[in-house]
Amino acid sequence: MTMLRRRVLRTVSAAPVPNGRQQARHERMCAKLAKDRIALKRWLTRLKRATSTVTALHARISRLETQLAEKAG
């Protein structure tokens, strides 16, 4: 009769020990991400303001051109 092989029970480590270089790289990347998010938010605010200004100027120019065309014609 054949016998079953015994399984070797090994303890499972809780978590791999993080490498110092990898940890430092991860922290640098997190800092860069935070910095880039702040910069993007600032640029989007400026872009919204610029878009609103361009839209308002375009409407005002169109309105003035229409008024001048009515008076000239």
Protein backbone atom coordinates (compact mmCIF):
# COMPACT_ATOMS: atom_id res chain seq x y z
CA MET A 1 0.00 0.00 0.00
CA THR A 2 1.31 3.47 -0.87
CA MET A 3 1.81 6.06 1.79
CA LEU A 4 1.00 9.72 1.39
CA ARG A 5 3.85 12.17 1.53
CA ARG A 6 3.95 14.36 4.54
CA ARG A 7 3.64 18.08 3.93
CA VAL A 8 6.31 20.30 5.36
CA LEU A 9 4.70 23.05 7.39
CA ARG A 10 6.54 26.33 7.15
CA THR A 11 5.81 29.46 9.07
CA VAL A 12 4.53 32.31 6.95
CA SER A 13 6.34 35.58 7.40
CA ALA A 14 4.06 38.51 8.23
CA ALA A 15 5.38 40.84 5.55
CA PRO A 16 8.60 41.17 3.61
CA VAL A 17 11.02 43.63 5.12
CA PRO A 18 10.96 46.75 2.95
CA ASN A 19 14.19 47.69 1.29
CA GLY A 20 15.50 51.08 2.41
CA ARG A 21 16.03 52.25 -1.17
CA GLN A 22 12.55 51.17 -2.22
CA GLN A 23 11.02 52.89 0.80
CA ALA A 24 12.88 56.13 0.04
CA ARG A 25 11.84 55.95 -3.62
CA HIS A 26 8.23 55.38 -2.61
CA GLU A 27 8.31 58.41 -0.30
CA ARG A 28 9.84 60.58 -3.04
CA MET A 29 7.16 59.48 -5.47
CA CYS A 30 4.40 60.25 -2.95
CA ALA A 31 5.87 63.71 -2.36
CA LYS A 32 6.08 64.36 -6.10
CA LEU A 33 2.49 63.21 -6.56
CA ALA A 34 1.26 65.62 -3.88
CA LYS A 35 3.28 68.48 -5.40
CA ASP A 36 1.98 67.74 -8.92
CA ARG A 37 -1.63 67.58 -7.70
CA ILE A 38 -1.28 71.03 -6.12
CA ALA A 39 0.27 72.41 -9.32
CA LEU A 40 -2.52 70.90 -11.45
CA LYS A 41 -5.19 72.40 -9.21
CA ARG A 42 -3.54 75.83 -9.51
CA TRP A 43 -3.29 75.58 -13.32
CA LEU A 44 -6.89 74.40 -13.66
CA THR A 45 -8.04 77.42 -11.65
CA ARG A 46 -6.10 79.72 -13.98
CA LEU A 47 -7.43 77.88 -17.03
CA LYS A 48 -11.06 78.23 -15.86
CA ARG A 49 -10.53 81.94 -15.24
CA ALA A 50 -8.97 82.40 -18.69
CA THR A 51 -11.74 80.42 -20.39
CA SER A 52 -14.41 82.52 -18.69
CA THR A 53 -12.65 85.72 -19.77
CA VAL A 54 -12.33 84.55 -23.38
CA THR A 55 -16.01 83.54 -23.47
CA ALA A 56 -17.12 86.89 -22.07
CA LEU A 57 -14.92 88.84 -24.51
CA HIS A 58 -16.18 86.79 -27.44
CA ALA A 59 -19.80 87.47 -26.49
CA ARG A 60 -19.12 91.19 -26.02
CA ILE A 61 -17.34 91.46 -29.38
CA SER A 62 -20.15 89.61 -31.16
CA ARG A 63 -22.74 91.87 -29.55
CA LEU A 64 -20.84 95.04 -30.49
CA GLU A 65 -20.33 93.84 -34.08
CA THR A 66 -24.05 93.15 -34.39
CA GLN A 67 -24.92 96.60 -33.01
CA LEU A 68 -22.47 98.33 -35.36
CA ALA A 69 -23.79 96.35 -38.35
CA GLU A 70 -27.35 97.43 -37.55
CA LYS A 71 -26.35 101.11 -37.33
CA ALA A 72 -24.22 101.00 -40.48
CA GLY A 73 -26.76 99.15 -42.59
